[in-house]
Amino acid sequence: MTFSLGIVGAGQFAGQFAKLFRAHPGVGDLYATDLIPDRARDLVAAERLTATFDSYDAMLRSPDVAAVAIFTQRWTHGPLVVQALRAGKHVYSAVPMAITEEEIAAIIDAVRETGLTYMMGETSQYNPATVHARDRIADGAFGRLFYAEGDYVHDMDLGFYEAYQYSGGADWKATASYPPLLYPTHSVGGVLGAWDTHAVSVSAIGVADERGDGVFDKDVSQFGNDLSNATALFEVAGGGSFRTNEFRRVGYPSHIRESRFRFFGTDASMEQLATVSFWQDKKGVTDITELLQPRPTLAPDDPSLEKIAPALRAAFTSGSAPVHDRTRLPRVFDHLPNGHEGSHHFLVDDFVTAVTTGTHAPVNAWVAARYTLPGIVAHRSALRDGERLPIPDFGNPPA
C-alpha cells in the first residue's frame, strides 16, 4: 500500500529528499509546488515526479495528495503545517517546528484533533553520536546521566551567504539575520534524542554581531535581530542540565561536522569533536572515531549538487556510520545518496512508516515541541540579559 506526497518548496534541500521519497516503496505519486513555479517544474523534471501544482492551496485541495513534505523558509513552517493538517494531509516538516509557543500549540492541537501523522525532520535524531549515546544510555553504561552538550556551529561564510541569497532574493539580508536560538533543533535534538528528559528552564547569553555587512543588523533584519552567536544552559526534568551553542560567526570547519555532542554520567562519558570521538570511563579512554564516522555516498562535484554552495555539499554527501542499524531500511536506499551524517534515509523511512502504520513518528509533534520550544524561550532569555525563564512542556503523545 502506498500514499501520494506533495513536496512544498522546491529549493536546494527538497531535491535530495524528493529522490528518497520517490524511491521508497511506500510512496506512490509525487508532486511539487513552489512560490517560484520554475523551481517546482525543474524539480519534477530532475527527479521524474508526477506533476506540479500552481499553489500550496491547490495542492491541499487535491484528493490526489495524501501527505505533504514542507521544505520552505524556516520561519514559515508553523502556519503551513496547521493548514495542511486541517486540510486532511499528513505532514513531514523540515526544522524548526515553529517559531512561537502559540504555533507549536496549534500544531499539537491539530494533530490531536485530526489523528493525522506529523513528523519534524530533525537530522540530529540520527547523528551517529546521538545514536551511540542513546544505545549506551539504554544499556546503563553512563550510570546516572547528569550533563550533556550540543553544538550547532556553522559559520555564515561557509555556504550560508549563498544559501540565503538563493532563498531570499533581493532582500536576503533581512532573512539571513534569523536568530540562531530560533533554529535550536540540531543542538537540542541531538541531546534529547539520546537523553529521555526535557528542558524545564533556561538562561541564555547572546553575542551581538560586529561584521557590519548588513547581516545581523537590527535595522535590516526582518526579525529585529543582531545576535549571531548564542549559548544556552538548560535545566532538565529529573535533575541535571545541558548546554547548547548556536554559532554563526565561528572559526570552525563546519563543513566537516556542524553538529557535535558530549554526554557525562557518573560511570562514563562520551565526547565528540570535529574529527575525533572518545568514550571515557574511570579506567581509561577508548577511541570511537571510526564507529561514528559516516562514509561518503556521493562525490561533492556530483551534478545533482550543482546549485548548492561547495561549503554546504558535505551535508548532502555523507552516508551511514558503522553505528547505524540499516537493517530496517528499504534495500533500494543502499545505493542512493544520504546526508547530514547518515540521517536522511532514516528520516524518510520514519515518516513513511508512521503514515502507513498509523503510529507516532520518533520525532512526533510532542517530541518536536521539546526540541524546538527550548530555543524559543532561550532567545527570549538572551534578550533579557540571561534571565532564567521556565520552559512550558506539552507532555507526551497520547498512547
Protein backbone atom coordinates (compact mmCIF):
# COMPACT_ATOMS: atom_id res chain seq x y z
CA MET A 1 0.00 0.00 0.00
CA THR A 2 1.37 3.42 -0.95
CA PHE A 3 0.38 7.03 -0.37
CA SER A 4 0.90 10.13 -2.50
CA LEU A 5 3.06 13.05 -1.37
CA GLY A 6 3.40 16.72 -2.27
CA ILE A 7 6.77 18.48 -1.96
CA VAL A 8 6.26 22.06 -0.74
CA GLY A 9 9.21 24.32 -1.52
CA ALA A 10 11.46 23.12 -4.33
CA GLY A 11 14.73 24.63 -3.18
CA GLN A 12 18.17 23.16 -2.59
CA PHE A 13 17.17 20.81 0.22
CA ALA A 14 13.99 19.43 -1.34
CA GLY A 15 15.67 17.68 -4.26
CA GLN A 16 17.66 15.32 -2.05
CA PHE A 17 14.53 14.22 -0.20
CA ALA A 18 12.38 14.02 -3.32
CA LYS A 19 14.85 11.44 -4.63
CA LEU A 20 14.43 9.31 -1.50
CA PHE A 21 10.65 9.66 -1.29
CA ARG A 22 10.35 8.65 -4.95
CA ALA A 23 12.45 5.54 -4.34
CA HIS A 24 10.68 4.45 -1.14
CA PRO A 25 8.31 1.53 -1.80
CA GLY A 26 5.72 3.09 0.49
CA VAL A 27 5.31 6.26 -1.61
CA GLY A 28 3.37 6.47 -4.87
CA ASP A 29 2.77 9.65 -6.86
CA LEU A 30 4.92 12.67 -6.01
CA TYR A 31 4.00 16.28 -6.70
CA ALA A 32 5.71 19.65 -6.15
CA THR A 33 4.82 23.28 -5.66
CA ASP A 34 6.86 26.43 -5.08
CA LEU A 35 6.25 30.16 -4.98
CA ILE A 36 8.70 30.27 -7.91
CA PRO A 37 6.94 27.94 -10.40
CA ASP A 38 10.07 27.26 -12.46
CA ARG A 39 11.73 25.66 -9.44
CA ALA A 40 8.83 23.24 -9.00
CA ARG A 41 8.90 22.37 -12.70
CA ASP A 42 12.67 21.85 -12.57
CA LEU A 43 12.31 19.53 -9.57
CA VAL A 44 9.61 17.48 -11.28
CA ALA A 45 11.78 17.11 -14.37
CA ALA A 46 15.01 16.35 -12.50
CA GLU A 47 13.53 13.74 -10.16
CA ARG A 48 10.84 12.38 -12.51
CA LEU A 49 7.95 13.34 -10.23
CA THR A 50 4.30 13.20 -11.25
CA ALA A 51 3.33 16.86 -11.71
CA THR A 52 3.34 20.36 -10.24
CA PHE A 53 0.60 22.33 -8.52
CA ASP A 54 0.21 26.06 -9.15
CA SER A 55 -0.07 26.80 -5.44
CA TYR A 56 0.03 25.29 -1.98
CA ASP A 57 -3.71 25.86 -1.64
CA ALA A 58 -4.35 23.93 -4.83
CA MET A 59 -2.19 21.05 -3.58
CA LEU A 60 -4.12 20.91 -0.30
CA ARG A 61 -7.46 20.89 -2.13
CA SER A 62 -6.46 17.94 -4.29
CA PRO A 63 -7.73 14.48 -3.33
CA ASP A 64 -4.71 13.10 -5.19
CA VAL A 65 -2.36 14.22 -2.40
CA ALA A 66 -2.43 12.36 0.92
CA ALA A 67 0.58 13.96 2.59
CA VAL A 68 2.92 16.91 2.22
CA ALA A 69 6.61 17.41 2.94
CA ILE A 70 7.39 21.05 3.75
CA PHE A 71 10.81 22.47 2.82
CA THR A 72 10.05 26.20 2.92
CA GLN A 73 11.81 29.04 4.76
CA ARG A 74 12.42 28.14 8.39
CA TRP A 75 10.11 30.76 9.92
CA THR A 76 7.11 29.71 7.76
CA HIS A 77 6.57 26.13 8.90
CA GLY A 78 4.07 26.55 11.74
CA PRO A 79 1.12 28.02 9.82
CA LEU A 80 1.77 25.84 6.76
CA VAL A 81 1.73 22.70 8.88
CA VAL A 82 -1.55 23.59 10.59
CA GLN A 83 -3.13 24.44 7.24
CA ALA A 84 -2.14 21.03 5.84
CA LEU A 85 -3.34 19.08 8.87
CA ARG A 86 -6.68 20.90 8.83
CA ALA A 87 -6.95 20.03 5.12
CA GLY A 88 -6.59 16.34 5.96
CA LYS A 89 -2.95 15.81 4.96
CA HIS A 90 -0.21 14.03 6.87
CA VAL A 91 2.83 16.31 7.33
CA TYR A 92 6.59 15.95 7.22
CA SER A 93 8.19 19.29 8.10
CA ALA A 94 11.76 20.49 7.90
CA VAL A 95 13.10 22.12 11.05
CA PRO A 96 12.26 24.05 13.08
CA MET A 97 8.75 23.05 14.07
CA ALA A 98 7.67 26.68 14.50
CA ILE A 99 8.93 29.99 15.90
CA THR A 100 6.42 30.70 18.70
CA GLU A 101 4.84 28.73 21.51
CA GLU A 102 1.43 29.54 20.04
CA GLU A 103 2.34 27.99 16.68
CA ILE A 104 3.61 24.86 18.42
CA ALA A 105 0.40 24.56 20.44
CA ALA A 106 -1.67 24.93 17.26
CA ILE A 107 0.20 22.07 15.60
CA ILE A 108 -0.25 19.78 18.60
CA ASP A 109 -3.96 20.63 18.76
CA ALA A 110 -4.35 19.89 15.04
CA VAL A 111 -2.54 16.55 15.30
CA ARG A 112 -4.59 15.53 18.34
CA GLU A 113 -7.88 16.52 16.75
CA THR A 114 -7.28 15.08 13.28
CA GLY A 115 -5.37 11.93 14.22
CA LEU A 116 -3.00 12.56 11.30
CA THR A 117 0.73 11.98 11.25
CA TYR A 118 3.12 14.85 11.93
CA MET A 119 6.89 14.47 11.89
CA MET A 120 9.67 17.02 12.17
CA GLY A 121 12.72 16.02 10.15
CA GLU A 122 15.40 16.55 12.78
CA THR A 123 18.68 15.26 11.39
CA SER A 124 20.39 15.06 14.79
CA GLN A 125 17.96 12.30 15.82
CA TYR A 126 20.22 10.05 13.72
CA ASN A 127 23.52 11.81 14.22
CA PRO A 128 25.96 8.94 14.96
CA ALA A 129 26.89 10.43 18.34
CA THR A 130 23.23 10.67 19.34
CA VAL A 131 22.55 7.11 18.16
CA HIS A 132 25.52 5.76 20.12
CA ALA A 133 24.67 7.74 23.25
CA ARG A 134 21.04 6.60 23.04
CA ASP A 135 22.17 2.96 22.84
CA ARG A 136 24.64 3.30 25.74
CA ILE A 137 22.09 5.13 27.90
CA ALA A 138 19.66 2.28 27.29
CA ASP A 139 22.40 -0.14 28.39
CA GLY A 140 23.02 1.85 31.56
CA ALA A 141 26.65 2.40 30.58
CA PHE A 142 26.74 6.07 31.65
CA GLY A 143 25.42 5.39 35.13
CA ARG A 144 23.32 8.39 36.03
CA LEU A 145 23.46 10.91 33.21
CA PHE A 146 23.61 14.41 34.65
CA TYR A 147 25.03 16.72 31.96
CA ALA A 148 25.29 16.97 28.18
CA GLU A 149 26.38 19.43 25.50
CA GLY A 150 25.11 20.01 21.97
CA ASP A 151 26.59 22.40 19.42
CA TYR A 152 25.40 23.60 16.05
CA VAL A 153 28.45 25.53 14.88
CA HIS A 154 28.05 26.67 11.28
CA ASP A 155 29.82 29.82 10.16
CA MET A 156 27.91 32.09 7.79
CA ASP A 157 30.95 32.28 5.50
CA LEU A 158 30.76 28.53 4.85
CA GLY A 159 27.85 28.44 2.45
CA PHE A 160 25.12 30.31 4.30
CA TYR A 161 25.56 33.55 2.38
CA GLU A 162 24.90 31.71 -0.88
CA ALA A 163 22.00 29.74 0.62
CA TYR A 164 20.22 32.86 1.86
CA GLN A 165 20.83 34.65 -1.42
CA TYR A 166 19.25 31.70 -3.25
CA SER A 167 16.20 31.56 -0.98
CA GLY A 168 15.79 35.22 -0.07
CA GLY A 169 16.18 37.06 -3.34
CA ALA A 170 17.00 40.76 -3.37
CA ASP A 171 16.14 41.18 0.33
CA TRP A 172 18.16 38.19 1.51
CA LYS A 173 19.98 40.11 4.26
CA ALA A 174 16.68 40.69 6.05
CA THR A 175 16.20 36.94 6.49
CA ALA A 176 19.87 35.91 6.85
CA SER A 177 19.67 37.53 10.29
CA TYR A 178 17.42 34.71 11.52
CA PRO A 179 18.08 34.40 15.29
CA PRO A 180 20.37 31.42 15.98
CA LEU A 181 18.40 30.26 19.02
CA LEU A 182 15.22 30.01 16.93
CA TYR A 183 16.99 27.26 14.98
CA PRO A 184 17.76 25.10 18.02
CA THR A 185 16.83 21.58 17.00
CA HIS A 186 20.19 20.45 15.58
CA SER A 187 21.75 21.01 19.01
CA VAL A 188 18.84 20.42 21.42
CA GLY A 189 17.53 17.47 19.38
CA GLY A 190 20.89 15.73 19.40
CA VAL A 191 20.96 15.84 23.20
CA LEU A 192 17.31 14.99 23.88
CA GLY A 193 17.30 12.42 21.09
CA ALA A 194 19.51 10.34 23.38
CA TRP A 195 18.56 11.54 26.88
CA ASP A 196 14.96 10.75 27.87
CA THR A 197 14.14 14.03 29.58
CA HIS A 198 13.07 17.56 28.67
CA ALA A 199 14.15 21.10 29.44
CA VAL A 200 12.29 22.93 32.21
CA SER A 201 14.19 26.25 32.42
CA VAL A 202 16.92 28.16 30.60
CA SER A 203 19.35 31.04 30.89
CA ALA A 204 20.97 32.23 27.64
CA ILE A 205 23.53 34.77 26.53
CA GLY A 206 23.75 36.21 23.02
CA VAL A 207 26.66 37.94 21.29
CA ALA A 208 25.86 40.93 19.07
CA ASP A 209 27.41 40.74 15.60
CA GLU A 210 30.25 43.07 14.63
CA ARG A 211 30.80 42.23 10.93
CA GLY A 212 28.94 45.32 9.76
CA ASP A 213 27.85 43.94 6.40
CA GLY A 214 24.10 44.32 6.90
CA VAL A 215 23.60 40.75 8.12
CA PHE A 216 22.56 40.54 11.78
CA ASP A 217 21.81 44.27 11.63
CA LYS A 218 18.71 45.23 13.64
CA ASP A 219 17.81 47.94 11.15
CA VAL A 220 17.86 45.44 8.26
CA SER A 221 16.70 42.28 9.99
CA GLN A 222 13.16 41.05 9.45
CA PHE A 223 13.41 39.71 12.99
CA GLY A 224 14.98 42.78 14.62
CA ASN A 225 17.95 40.57 15.45
CA ASP A 226 21.64 41.39 15.83
CA LEU A 227 22.75 38.22 17.66
CA SER A 228 24.96 35.92 15.59
CA ASN A 229 26.21 33.66 18.40
CA ALA A 230 24.38 32.39 21.48
CA THR A 231 24.86 29.95 24.34
CA ALA A 232 22.06 28.46 26.45
CA LEU A 233 22.14 26.48 29.71
CA PHE A 234 19.07 24.31 30.32
CA GLU A 235 17.82 22.63 33.48
CA VAL A 236 16.16 19.26 32.79
CA ALA A 237 13.35 17.32 34.42
CA GLY A 238 14.62 14.78 36.92
CA GLY A 239 17.80 16.71 37.70
CA GLY A 240 20.77 17.70 35.60
CA SER A 241 21.47 20.15 32.81
CA PHE A 242 22.67 20.55 29.26
CA ARG A 243 24.31 23.38 27.35
CA THR A 244 23.92 24.26 23.68
CA ASN A 245 25.84 26.59 21.37
CA GLU A 246 24.33 28.16 18.26
CA PHE A 247 27.23 29.88 16.48
CA ARG A 248 27.08 31.64 13.07
CA ARG A 249 30.39 33.54 13.34
CA VAL A 250 32.92 30.95 14.40
CA GLY A 251 36.36 29.74 13.39
CA TYR A 252 35.45 26.10 12.99
CA PRO A 253 35.30 23.67 9.99
CA SER A 254 31.53 23.23 9.93
CA HIS A 255 31.78 21.53 6.52
CA ILE A 256 33.43 18.62 8.38
CA ARG A 257 30.93 18.39 11.27
CA GLU A 258 28.43 21.12 12.04
CA SER A 259 26.63 19.32 14.91
CA ARG A 260 28.55 17.67 17.74
CA PHE A 261 27.66 16.25 21.16
CA ARG A 262 29.02 15.28 24.58
CA PHE A 263 27.41 13.30 27.41
CA PHE A 264 28.57 12.94 31.02
CA GLY A 265 27.39 10.36 33.55
CA THR A 266 28.52 9.08 36.93
CA ASP A 267 30.15 5.98 35.36
CA ALA A 268 31.23 7.12 31.90
CA SER A 269 31.29 9.98 29.41
CA MET A 270 31.42 10.46 25.66
CA GLU A 271 32.86 13.39 23.70
CA GLN A 272 32.67 14.22 20.01
CA LEU A 273 34.77 16.89 18.27
CA ALA A 274 35.26 17.81 14.63
CA THR A 275 37.42 14.82 13.67
CA VAL A 276 37.68 12.59 16.75
CA SER A 277 35.33 10.98 19.28
CA PHE A 278 36.04 9.24 22.59
CA TRP A 279 34.34 7.00 25.14
CA GLN A 280 35.75 7.52 28.64
CA ASP A 281 35.27 5.78 31.96
CA LYS A 282 37.21 5.56 35.21
CA LYS A 283 39.61 3.03 33.72
CA GLY A 284 40.63 4.90 30.60
CA VAL A 285 39.79 6.23 27.14
CA THR A 286 38.54 4.39 24.04
CA ASP A 287 38.75 5.99 20.60
CA ILE A 288 35.32 5.55 18.93
CA THR A 289 36.00 7.86 15.99
CA GLU A 290 35.56 5.16 13.35
CA LEU A 291 32.32 3.91 14.91
CA LEU A 292 30.77 7.37 14.49
CA GLN A 293 32.31 8.27 11.13
CA PRO A 294 29.90 8.28 8.14
CA ARG A 295 31.14 7.02 4.79
CA PRO A 296 30.54 9.37 1.81
CA THR A 297 27.86 8.20 -0.63
CA LEU A 298 28.13 10.96 -3.22
CA ALA A 299 31.03 12.93 -4.68
CA PRO A 300 30.98 16.66 -3.82
CA ASP A 301 31.15 17.52 -7.53
CA ASP A 302 28.13 15.37 -8.43
CA PRO A 303 25.89 17.22 -10.96
CA SER A 304 22.91 16.93 -8.61
CA LEU A 305 24.69 19.35 -6.23
CA GLU A 306 25.40 21.98 -8.87
CA LYS A 307 23.16 24.63 -7.27
CA ILE A 308 24.43 24.04 -3.73
CA ALA A 309 27.34 26.09 -2.39
CA PRO A 310 30.52 23.97 -2.21
CA ALA A 311 30.86 24.62 1.52
CA LEU A 312 27.41 23.10 2.11
CA ARG A 313 27.83 19.97 0.00
CA ALA A 314 29.26 17.78 2.74
CA ALA A 315 25.83 17.82 4.40
CA PHE A 316 24.38 16.13 1.30
CA THR A 317 27.11 13.57 0.66
CA SER A 318 27.72 11.82 3.99
CA GLY A 319 26.46 8.26 4.29
CA SER A 320 25.85 5.96 7.21
CA ALA A 321 28.28 5.29 10.04
CA PRO A 322 29.01 1.83 11.49
CA VAL A 323 26.83 2.66 14.50
CA HIS A 324 23.75 2.99 12.26
CA ASP A 325 21.47 -0.04 12.02
CA ARG A 326 20.32 -0.07 8.39
CA THR A 327 18.53 -3.42 8.54
CA ARG A 328 15.05 -1.90 8.64
CA LEU A 329 15.60 0.44 5.67
CA PRO A 330 14.40 -0.35 2.15
CA ARG A 331 17.22 -2.04 0.26
CA VAL A 332 16.84 0.44 -2.60
CA PHE A 333 18.28 3.06 -0.22
CA ASP A 334 21.58 1.15 -0.11
CA HIS A 335 22.63 2.75 -3.39
CA LEU A 336 21.12 6.22 -3.00
CA PRO A 337 22.70 9.45 -1.71
CA ASN A 338 22.39 10.13 2.01
CA GLY A 339 23.19 13.25 4.01
CA HIS A 340 23.62 15.02 7.34
CA GLU A 341 25.74 12.24 8.83
CA GLY A 342 23.53 9.43 7.62
CA SER A 343 20.17 10.80 8.76
CA HIS A 344 18.27 11.31 5.50
CA HIS A 345 17.46 7.64 4.86
CA PHE A 346 16.14 7.15 8.38
CA LEU A 347 14.08 10.34 8.34
CA VAL A 348 12.26 9.39 5.15
CA ASP A 349 11.63 5.85 6.33
CA ASP A 350 10.43 7.07 9.75
CA PHE A 351 7.79 9.25 8.13
CA VAL A 352 6.61 6.68 5.61
CA THR A 353 6.40 4.02 8.32
CA ALA A 354 4.42 6.31 10.64
CA VAL A 355 1.90 7.19 7.92
CA THR A 356 1.40 3.63 6.70
CA THR A 357 1.14 2.07 10.17
CA GLY A 358 -0.76 4.86 11.90
CA THR A 359 1.86 5.09 14.65
CA HIS A 360 3.69 8.11 16.05
CA ALA A 361 6.96 9.02 14.35
CA PRO A 362 10.02 9.18 16.64
CA VAL A 363 10.05 12.99 16.29
CA ASN A 364 6.30 13.47 16.52
CA ALA A 365 4.61 16.75 17.44
CA TRP A 366 5.18 16.35 21.20
CA VAL A 367 8.84 15.43 20.77
CA ALA A 368 9.32 18.18 18.19
CA ALA A 369 7.96 20.67 20.72
CA ARG A 370 10.60 19.54 23.24
CA TYR A 371 13.30 20.04 20.60
CA THR A 372 12.03 23.46 19.47
CA LEU A 373 10.41 25.38 22.33
CA PRO A 374 13.57 25.45 24.50
CA GLY A 375 15.29 27.54 21.84
CA ILE A 376 12.36 29.94 21.56
CA VAL A 377 12.44 30.57 25.30
CA ALA A 378 16.25 30.75 25.26
CA HIS A 379 16.15 33.53 22.68
CA ARG A 380 13.77 35.43 24.96
CA SER A 381 16.24 34.90 27.83
CA ALA A 382 19.13 36.20 25.73
CA LEU A 383 17.15 39.37 25.01
CA ARG A 384 16.68 39.77 28.78
CA ASP A 385 20.39 39.57 29.64
CA GLY A 386 20.28 35.89 30.57
CA GLU A 387 17.22 35.95 32.82
CA ARG A 388 16.33 32.39 33.83
CA LEU A 389 12.96 31.52 32.33
CA PRO A 390 10.65 28.50 32.67
CA ILE A 391 10.02 26.33 29.61
CA PRO A 392 6.45 25.03 29.19
CA ASP A 393 6.00 21.38 28.27
CA PHE A 394 3.21 19.79 26.22
CA GLY A 395 3.77 16.33 27.66
CA ASN A 396 3.94 13.03 25.80
CA PRO A 397 1.90 11.89 22.80
CA PRO A 398 -1.31 10.01 23.54
CA ALA A 399 -0.98 6.25 23.51
